Protein backbone atom coordinates (compact mmCIF):
# COMPACT_ATOMS: atom_id res chain seq x y z
CA MET A 1 62.79 0.30 66.13
CA ILE A 2 61.25 -2.07 68.67
CA ASN A 3 63.64 -0.76 71.32
CA GLY A 4 62.40 2.78 70.67
CA MET A 5 58.77 1.67 70.86
CA VAL A 6 59.36 -0.12 74.16
CA LEU A 7 61.15 2.92 75.60
CA GLY A 8 58.35 5.20 74.40
CA TYR A 9 55.75 2.96 76.02
CA LEU A 10 57.77 2.79 79.24
CA VAL A 11 58.23 6.57 79.43
CA HIS A 12 54.53 7.15 78.69
CA HIS A 13 53.48 4.57 81.29
CA LEU A 14 55.79 6.04 83.96
CA SER A 15 54.59 9.55 83.12
CA ALA A 16 50.96 8.44 83.55
CA GLN A 17 51.86 7.04 86.97
CA GLY A 18 53.26 10.40 88.02
CA GLU A 19 56.96 9.52 87.99
CA ASN A 20 59.51 12.31 87.63
CA MET A 21 60.47 12.22 83.94
CA PHE A 22 63.74 14.08 84.56
CA ASP A 23 64.93 11.26 86.82
CA VAL A 24 63.74 8.56 84.44
CA ILE A 25 65.46 10.06 81.41
CA VAL A 26 68.63 11.48 83.00
CA LYS A 27 69.28 8.67 85.46
CA GLY A 28 67.76 5.77 83.56
CA LEU A 29 68.41 6.34 79.87
CA LEU A 30 71.31 8.73 79.39
CA PRO A 31 74.16 7.02 81.32
CA HIS A 32 74.49 4.07 78.95
CA GLY A 33 73.06 5.84 75.90
CA ILE A 34 75.94 8.30 75.84
CA ILE A 35 78.31 5.46 74.96
CA GLU A 36 75.92 3.06 73.22
CA ILE A 37 74.43 5.40 70.62
CA PRO A 38 77.76 6.66 69.16
CA ALA A 39 79.07 3.07 69.01
CA ILE A 40 75.98 1.96 67.09
CA ILE A 41 76.22 4.95 64.74
CA ILE A 42 79.87 4.14 63.99
CA ALA A 43 78.97 0.48 63.34
CA CYS A 44 76.16 1.56 61.01
CA ALA A 45 78.53 3.90 59.17
CA PHE A 46 80.95 1.04 58.51
CA GLY A 47 78.06 -1.12 57.32
CA LEU A 48 77.00 1.59 54.89
CA ARG A 49 80.60 1.92 53.70
CA LEU A 50 80.72 -1.82 53.08
CA GLY A 51 77.52 -1.63 51.03
CA THR A 52 78.90 1.30 49.05
CA LEU A 53 82.10 -0.61 48.29
CA VAL A 54 80.12 -3.64 47.12
CA TRP A 55 78.02 -1.49 44.77
CA MET A 56 81.13 0.28 43.50
CA SER A 57 82.80 -3.07 42.84
CA ILE A 58 79.78 -4.41 40.99
CA GLY A 59 79.28 -1.27 38.92
CA GLN A 60 82.88 -0.54 37.86
CA TRP A 61 83.51 -1.79 34.36
CA ASN A 62 86.40 0.55 33.65
CA ARG A 63 89.65 -1.36 34.18
CA GLU A 64 91.58 1.63 35.59
CA LYS A 65 88.91 2.48 38.16
CA ARG A 66 88.53 -1.19 39.03
CA ALA A 67 92.27 -1.45 39.77
CA ASN A 68 91.96 1.30 42.38
CA LEU A 69 89.15 -0.57 44.14
CA GLY A 70 91.67 -3.09 45.47
CA GLU A 71 93.37 -0.34 47.44
CA VAL A 72 90.04 0.92 48.73
CA TRP A 73 89.02 -2.57 49.86
CA SER A 74 92.42 -3.10 51.49
CA ASP A 75 92.15 0.17 53.39
CA PHE A 76 88.61 -0.71 54.48
CA PHE A 77 89.64 -4.13 55.83
CA LYS A 78 92.61 -2.60 57.66
CA ARG A 79 90.19 -0.34 59.53
CA VAL A 80 87.41 -2.87 60.18
CA GLY A 81 89.32 -5.01 62.70
CA PRO A 82 90.33 -2.28 65.16
CA ILE A 83 87.01 -0.44 64.79
CA SER A 84 85.07 -3.67 65.41
CA LEU A 85 87.11 -4.30 68.54
CA TRP A 86 86.45 -0.76 69.81
CA ILE A 87 82.73 -1.07 69.07
CA VAL A 88 82.54 -4.31 71.05
CA ILE A 89 84.45 -2.72 73.95
CA LEU A 90 82.21 0.36 73.95
CA LEU A 91 79.03 -1.75 73.83
CA PHE A 92 80.38 -3.90 76.67
CA ILE A 93 81.05 -0.77 78.75
CA ALA A 94 77.54 0.48 77.97
CA ALA A 95 76.12 -2.88 79.08
CA ILE A 96 78.05 -2.71 82.35
CA ILE A 97 76.82 0.84 82.94
CA GLU A 98 73.26 -0.22 82.13
CA SER A 99 73.34 -3.20 84.48
CA THR A 100 75.13 -1.54 87.41
CA LEU A 101 75.22 2.25 87.41
CA THR A 102 71.75 2.77 85.95
CA PHE A 103 70.30 0.20 88.35
CA TRP A 104 71.98 1.98 91.28
CA LEU A 105 70.84 5.44 90.14
CA MET A 106 67.22 4.37 89.68
CA GLN A 107 66.85 2.91 93.18
């Protein structure tokens, strides 16, 4: 939320100075945001899935349904490792783009 407020302030401040907003948004924000935002959304989705599994595990008193939760947890943990690695790689690529390509485009 703070990131969005800072970006909003920056865009408003640059607009008040007469900067070209197309260049600021397309050259400054979009290059790394194209990779960063989907990676963050995927990470948030896995966090929500983890919370859902915890609530399901707490709330299942039926023995048959509780037995199936082990398979669900196992499947979740099989997916978390590779997805976490891909999220870190994508965020690293976004950071490289932000520190090099965006800097070069904005000059």
